[in-house]
Amino acid sequence: MSRDARLESYRSLQEALTALRAELERMLDTSAGAGALALRDRLHALETAADNLHRTAENDFRHFGHELRTPLNALAGWGQILRNDPREPATVTRAAEVVERNVAALAKTIEAYTG
């Protein structure tokens, strides 16, 4: 599920929760017992769905961070190697290959998450 779709789902759930809370308060004020209990069950189900969506989004964000750190660490490491000995042609060639590959990996990761 794309980030935009997750945000839209979360917003929809939040709106539904707000509406159900208002309805529940109204029903409780008018002593609509059975209806209030049914509404409480719906509210609980929506709160659970919202919590699950939030947890999924947090997990996706952690995964995204990991996917970014891995190629960034390679880029940083090869940057240090080049700074220490930029005269060795084989090292420069290898560094360029690693940089190109990891930049492509970063672009692919970002595209997958922002699609």
N, C-alpha and C. Protein backbone atom coordinates (compact mmCIF):
# COMPACT_ATOMS: atom_id res chain seq x y z
N MET A 1 0.85 -1.16 0.00
CA MET A 1 0.00 0.00 0.00
C MET A 1 0.91 1.23 0.00
N SER A 2 0.63 2.16 -0.88
CA SER A 2 1.46 3.36 -0.98
C SER A 2 1.25 4.26 0.23
N ARG A 3 2.18 5.17 0.42
CA ARG A 3 2.10 6.12 1.53
C ARG A 3 0.81 6.93 1.45
N ASP A 4 0.47 7.41 0.27
CA ASP A 4 -0.75 8.20 0.10
C ASP A 4 -1.99 7.38 0.44
N ALA A 5 -2.01 6.14 0.02
CA ALA A 5 -3.16 5.28 0.32
C ALA A 5 -3.26 5.03 1.82
N ARG A 6 -2.10 4.81 2.49
CA ARG A 6 -2.12 4.62 3.94
C ARG A 6 -2.62 5.87 4.64
N LEU A 7 -2.16 7.03 4.21
CA LEU A 7 -2.62 8.28 4.82
C LEU A 7 -4.12 8.47 4.63
N GLU A 8 -4.61 8.18 3.43
CA GLU A 8 -6.04 8.33 3.17
C GLU A 8 -6.85 7.35 4.02
N SER A 9 -6.37 6.12 4.15
CA SER A 9 -7.05 5.14 5.00
C SER A 9 -7.07 5.60 6.45
N TYR A 10 -5.95 6.12 6.89
CA TYR A 10 -5.86 6.60 8.27
C TYR A 10 -6.80 7.77 8.50
N ARG A 11 -6.84 8.71 7.56
CA ARG A 11 -7.76 9.86 7.68
C ARG A 11 -9.21 9.40 7.71
N SER A 12 -9.54 8.46 6.83
CA SER A 12 -10.91 7.94 6.80
C SER A 12 -11.28 7.28 8.13
N LEU A 13 -10.35 6.51 8.67
CA LEU A 13 -10.60 5.86 9.96
C LEU A 13 -10.78 6.90 11.06
N GLN A 14 -9.94 7.93 11.04
CA GLN A 14 -10.05 8.96 12.06
C GLN A 14 -11.40 9.68 11.97
N GLU A 15 -11.85 9.97 10.76
CA GLU A 15 -13.16 10.62 10.58
C GLU A 15 -14.29 9.72 11.07
N ALA A 16 -14.20 8.43 10.74
CA ALA A 16 -15.22 7.49 11.19
C ALA A 16 -15.22 7.37 12.71
N LEU A 17 -14.05 7.35 13.31
CA LEU A 17 -13.96 7.27 14.77
C LEU A 17 -14.59 8.50 15.42
N THR A 18 -14.31 9.66 14.88
CA THR A 18 -14.87 10.90 15.42
C THR A 18 -16.39 10.88 15.33
N ALA A 19 -16.93 10.46 14.20
CA ALA A 19 -18.38 10.39 14.01
C ALA A 19 -19.00 9.38 14.97
N LEU A 20 -18.36 8.22 15.13
CA LEU A 20 -18.91 7.20 16.03
C LEU A 20 -18.86 7.65 17.48
N ARG A 21 -17.79 8.33 17.86
CA ARG A 21 -17.72 8.84 19.23
C ARG A 21 -18.87 9.82 19.50
N ALA A 22 -19.12 10.72 18.55
CA ALA A 22 -20.20 11.68 18.70
C ALA A 22 -21.55 10.97 18.80
N GLU A 23 -21.76 9.98 17.94
CA GLU A 23 -23.01 9.21 17.96
C GLU A 23 -23.16 8.44 19.26
N LEU A 24 -22.08 7.87 19.74
CA LEU A 24 -22.12 7.13 20.99
C LEU A 24 -22.49 8.05 22.15
N GLU A 25 -21.90 9.21 22.19
CA GLU A 25 -22.23 10.17 23.24
C GLU A 25 -23.71 10.55 23.17
N ARG A 26 -24.22 10.78 21.97
CA ARG A 26 -25.63 11.13 21.79
C ARG A 26 -26.53 10.00 22.28
N MET A 27 -26.18 8.76 21.90
CA MET A 27 -27.00 7.62 22.29
C MET A 27 -26.97 7.41 23.80
N LEU A 28 -25.81 7.58 24.38
CA LEU A 28 -25.72 7.42 25.83
C LEU A 28 -26.52 8.49 26.56
N ASP A 29 -26.53 9.71 26.01
CA ASP A 29 -27.32 10.80 26.59
C ASP A 29 -28.81 10.53 26.51
N THR A 30 -29.24 9.78 25.50
CA THR A 30 -30.68 9.52 25.32
C THR A 30 -31.06 8.11 25.79
N SER A 31 -30.16 7.46 26.47
CA SER A 31 -30.40 6.12 27.03
C SER A 31 -30.81 5.09 25.98
N ALA A 32 -30.17 5.10 24.85
CA ALA A 32 -30.43 4.11 23.80
C ALA A 32 -29.50 2.93 24.02
N GLY A 33 -29.77 2.14 25.05
CA GLY A 33 -28.89 1.09 25.53
C GLY A 33 -28.34 0.13 24.50
N ALA A 34 -29.22 -0.63 23.82
CA ALA A 34 -28.75 -1.65 22.87
C ALA A 34 -28.01 -1.01 21.70
N GLY A 35 -28.53 0.10 21.23
CA GLY A 35 -27.86 0.81 20.13
C GLY A 35 -26.49 1.32 20.54
N ALA A 36 -26.39 1.79 21.79
CA ALA A 36 -25.11 2.29 22.28
C ALA A 36 -24.10 1.16 22.38
N LEU A 37 -24.55 -0.01 22.82
CA LEU A 37 -23.64 -1.16 22.90
C LEU A 37 -23.14 -1.58 21.52
N ALA A 38 -24.03 -1.60 20.54
CA ALA A 38 -23.63 -1.95 19.17
C ALA A 38 -22.64 -0.91 18.64
N LEU A 39 -22.92 0.34 18.94
CA LEU A 39 -22.03 1.41 18.49
C LEU A 39 -20.67 1.31 19.16
N ARG A 40 -20.69 0.94 20.44
CA ARG A 40 -19.42 0.75 21.15
C ARG A 40 -18.58 -0.34 20.47
N ASP A 41 -19.24 -1.41 20.06
CA ASP A 41 -18.53 -2.49 19.36
C ASP A 41 -17.93 -2.01 18.04
N ARG A 42 -18.70 -1.22 17.29
CA ARG A 42 -18.19 -0.66 16.03
C ARG A 42 -17.02 0.27 16.30
N LEU A 43 -17.14 1.08 17.33
CA LEU A 43 -16.07 2.01 17.68
C LEU A 43 -14.80 1.25 18.04
N HIS A 44 -14.96 0.18 18.83
CA HIS A 44 -13.80 -0.62 19.20
C HIS A 44 -13.13 -1.24 17.97
N ALA A 45 -13.94 -1.74 17.04
CA ALA A 45 -13.39 -2.34 15.81
C ALA A 45 -12.64 -1.30 14.99
N LEU A 46 -13.19 -0.09 14.90
CA LEU A 46 -12.50 0.96 14.15
C LEU A 46 -11.21 1.41 14.85
N GLU A 47 -11.24 1.50 16.16
CA GLU A 47 -10.02 1.86 16.90
C GLU A 47 -8.93 0.81 16.70
N THR A 48 -9.33 -0.45 16.70
CA THR A 48 -8.37 -1.53 16.45
C THR A 48 -7.79 -1.42 15.04
N ALA A 49 -8.65 -1.15 14.06
CA ALA A 49 -8.17 -0.98 12.68
C ALA A 49 -7.22 0.20 12.57
N ALA A 50 -7.52 1.29 13.25
CA ALA A 50 -6.65 2.47 13.22
C ALA A 50 -5.30 2.16 13.87
N ASP A 51 -5.33 1.45 14.98
CA ASP A 51 -4.08 1.05 15.65
C ASP A 51 -3.25 0.16 14.75
N ASN A 52 -3.89 -0.80 14.07
CA ASN A 52 -3.17 -1.70 13.16
C ASN A 52 -2.56 -0.92 12.00
N LEU A 53 -3.30 0.02 11.46
CA LEU A 53 -2.80 0.84 10.36
C LEU A 53 -1.60 1.67 10.81
N HIS A 54 -1.71 2.24 11.99
CA HIS A 54 -0.60 3.05 12.53
C HIS A 54 0.64 2.18 12.74
N ARG A 55 0.46 0.99 13.30
CA ARG A 55 1.57 0.08 13.53
C ARG A 55 2.23 -0.33 12.21
N THR A 56 1.40 -0.59 11.19
CA THR A 56 1.93 -0.94 9.87
C THR A 56 2.75 0.21 9.29
N ALA A 57 2.24 1.42 9.44
CA ALA A 57 2.96 2.59 8.92
C ALA A 57 4.30 2.75 9.64
N GLU A 58 4.32 2.54 10.95
CA GLU A 58 5.58 2.64 11.70
C GLU A 58 6.57 1.58 11.24
N ASN A 59 6.09 0.35 11.04
CA ASN A 59 6.97 -0.71 10.56
C ASN A 59 7.51 -0.40 9.17
N ASP A 60 6.65 0.13 8.29
CA ASP A 60 7.10 0.51 6.96
C ASP A 60 8.17 1.58 7.04
N PHE A 61 7.99 2.54 7.94
CA PHE A 61 8.96 3.63 8.09
C PHE A 61 10.29 3.08 8.58
N ARG A 62 10.26 2.16 9.55
CA ARG A 62 11.51 1.54 10.03
C ARG A 62 12.21 0.79 8.90
N HIS A 63 11.43 0.03 8.13
CA HIS A 63 12.00 -0.73 7.01
C HIS A 63 12.61 0.22 5.98
N PHE A 64 11.91 1.31 5.69
CA PHE A 64 12.40 2.30 4.74
C PHE A 64 13.74 2.87 5.22
N GLY A 65 13.83 3.18 6.51
CA GLY A 65 15.08 3.69 7.07
C GLY A 65 16.22 2.70 6.89
N HIS A 66 15.93 1.42 7.14
CA HIS A 66 16.95 0.39 6.95
C HIS A 66 17.38 0.30 5.50
N GLU A 67 16.41 0.35 4.59
CA GLU A 67 16.71 0.27 3.16
C GLU A 67 17.54 1.47 2.70
N LEU A 68 17.42 2.60 3.35
CA LEU A 68 18.23 3.76 3.00
C LEU A 68 19.62 3.68 3.63
N ARG A 69 19.69 3.22 4.88
CA ARG A 69 20.98 3.18 5.58
C ARG A 69 21.98 2.26 4.90
N THR A 70 21.54 1.13 4.40
CA THR A 70 22.48 0.16 3.83
C THR A 70 23.28 0.76 2.67
N PRO A 71 22.66 1.32 1.63
CA PRO A 71 23.47 1.91 0.56
C PRO A 71 24.20 3.19 1.00
N LEU A 72 23.61 3.93 1.92
CA LEU A 72 24.30 5.14 2.39
C LEU A 72 25.59 4.79 3.13
N ASN A 73 25.57 3.70 3.89
CA ASN A 73 26.80 3.26 4.57
C ASN A 73 27.88 2.89 3.57
N ALA A 74 27.50 2.23 2.49
CA ALA A 74 28.48 1.87 1.45
C ALA A 74 29.05 3.14 0.81
N LEU A 75 28.20 4.10 0.53
CA LEU A 75 28.67 5.36 -0.06
C LEU A 75 29.62 6.08 0.89
N ALA A 76 29.27 6.13 2.15
CA ALA A 76 30.13 6.81 3.13
C ALA A 76 31.48 6.10 3.26
N GLY A 77 31.44 4.77 3.30
CA GLY A 77 32.69 4.00 3.42
C GLY A 77 33.63 4.21 2.24
N TRP A 78 33.07 4.16 1.03
CA TRP A 78 33.91 4.37 -0.15
C TRP A 78 34.38 5.82 -0.24
N GLY A 79 33.61 6.75 0.27
CA GLY A 79 34.06 8.14 0.34
C GLY A 79 35.30 8.27 1.21
N GLN A 80 35.32 7.58 2.35
CA GLN A 80 36.48 7.60 3.22
C GLN A 80 37.69 6.96 2.55
N ILE A 81 37.46 5.86 1.85
CA ILE A 81 38.57 5.19 1.15
C ILE A 81 39.17 6.13 0.12
N LEU A 82 38.34 6.80 -0.65
CA LEU A 82 38.84 7.73 -1.68
C LEU A 82 39.56 8.92 -1.04
N ARG A 83 39.09 9.38 0.07
CA ARG A 83 39.74 10.50 0.74
C ARG A 83 41.13 10.10 1.22
N ASN A 84 41.28 8.85 1.67
CA ASN A 84 42.57 8.39 2.18
C ASN A 84 43.57 8.08 1.08
N ASP A 85 43.13 7.57 -0.08
CA ASP A 85 44.06 7.23 -1.15
C ASP A 85 43.37 7.38 -2.51
N PRO A 86 43.23 8.62 -3.00
CA PRO A 86 42.55 8.84 -4.28
C PRO A 86 43.43 8.58 -5.50
N ARG A 87 44.71 8.19 -5.30
CA ARG A 87 45.62 8.05 -6.45
C ARG A 87 45.58 6.68 -7.10
N GLU A 88 45.06 5.69 -6.42
CA GLU A 88 45.05 4.33 -6.96
C GLU A 88 43.91 4.18 -7.95
N PRO A 89 44.21 4.02 -9.26
CA PRO A 89 43.14 3.95 -10.27
C PRO A 89 42.14 2.82 -10.04
N ALA A 90 42.60 1.67 -9.60
CA ALA A 90 41.69 0.55 -9.38
C ALA A 90 40.71 0.87 -8.24
N THR A 91 41.20 1.57 -7.24
CA THR A 91 40.34 1.97 -6.11
C THR A 91 39.29 2.97 -6.56
N VAL A 92 39.71 3.93 -7.37
CA VAL A 92 38.78 4.94 -7.88
C VAL A 92 37.71 4.28 -8.74
N THR A 93 38.13 3.34 -9.60
CA THR A 93 37.17 2.64 -10.46
C THR A 93 36.18 1.84 -9.62
N ARG A 94 36.69 1.12 -8.65
CA ARG A 94 35.82 0.32 -7.78
C ARG A 94 34.86 1.23 -7.01
N ALA A 95 35.35 2.33 -6.50
CA ALA A 95 34.50 3.28 -5.75
C ALA A 95 33.39 3.82 -6.65
N ALA A 96 33.74 4.17 -7.87
CA ALA A 96 32.73 4.70 -8.80
C ALA A 96 31.64 3.66 -9.05
N GLU A 97 32.03 2.40 -9.21
CA GLU A 97 31.04 1.33 -9.42
C GLU A 97 30.12 1.18 -8.22
N VAL A 98 30.70 1.21 -7.02
CA VAL A 98 29.91 1.06 -5.80
C VAL A 98 28.96 2.26 -5.64
N VAL A 99 29.47 3.45 -5.90
CA VAL A 99 28.64 4.65 -5.79
C VAL A 99 27.48 4.57 -6.77
N GLU A 100 27.75 4.23 -8.01
CA GLU A 100 26.68 4.14 -9.02
C GLU A 100 25.63 3.10 -8.63
N ARG A 101 26.09 1.93 -8.18
CA ARG A 101 25.16 0.86 -7.81
C ARG A 101 24.30 1.27 -6.61
N ASN A 102 24.90 1.90 -5.63
CA ASN A 102 24.16 2.28 -4.43
C ASN A 102 23.24 3.48 -4.66
N VAL A 103 23.63 4.38 -5.53
CA VAL A 103 22.72 5.48 -5.89
C VAL A 103 21.50 4.90 -6.60
N ALA A 104 21.71 3.93 -7.47
CA ALA A 104 20.58 3.28 -8.16
C ALA A 104 19.69 2.55 -7.15
N ALA A 105 20.30 1.90 -6.16
CA ALA A 105 19.53 1.21 -5.13
C ALA A 105 18.70 2.20 -4.31
N LEU A 106 19.29 3.34 -3.97
CA LEU A 106 18.55 4.38 -3.25
C LEU A 106 17.37 4.89 -4.06
N ALA A 107 17.60 5.15 -5.33
CA ALA A 107 16.53 5.65 -6.20
C ALA A 107 15.40 4.63 -6.30
N LYS A 108 15.75 3.35 -6.41
CA LYS A 108 14.75 2.29 -6.50
C LYS A 108 13.95 2.19 -5.19
N THR A 109 14.63 2.30 -4.08
CA THR A 109 13.95 2.24 -2.78
C THR A 109 13.00 3.42 -2.61
N ILE A 110 13.46 4.59 -2.94
CA ILE A 110 12.63 5.79 -2.80
C ILE A 110 11.41 5.68 -3.73
N GLU A 111 11.61 5.20 -4.94
CA GLU A 111 10.50 5.05 -5.88
C GLU A 111 9.48 4.03 -5.36
N ALA A 112 9.98 2.95 -4.77
CA ALA A 112 9.08 1.93 -4.25
C ALA A 112 8.20 2.46 -3.12
N TYR A 113 8.76 3.34 -2.31
CA TYR A 113 8.00 3.86 -1.17
C TYR A 113 7.17 5.09 -1.48
N THR A 114 7.53 5.79 -2.53
CA THR A 114 6.79 7.02 -2.84
C THR A 114 5.94 6.87 -4.09
N GLY A 115 6.24 5.80 -4.86
CA GLY A 115 5.55 5.40 -6.05
C GLY A 115 4.67 6.37 -6.67
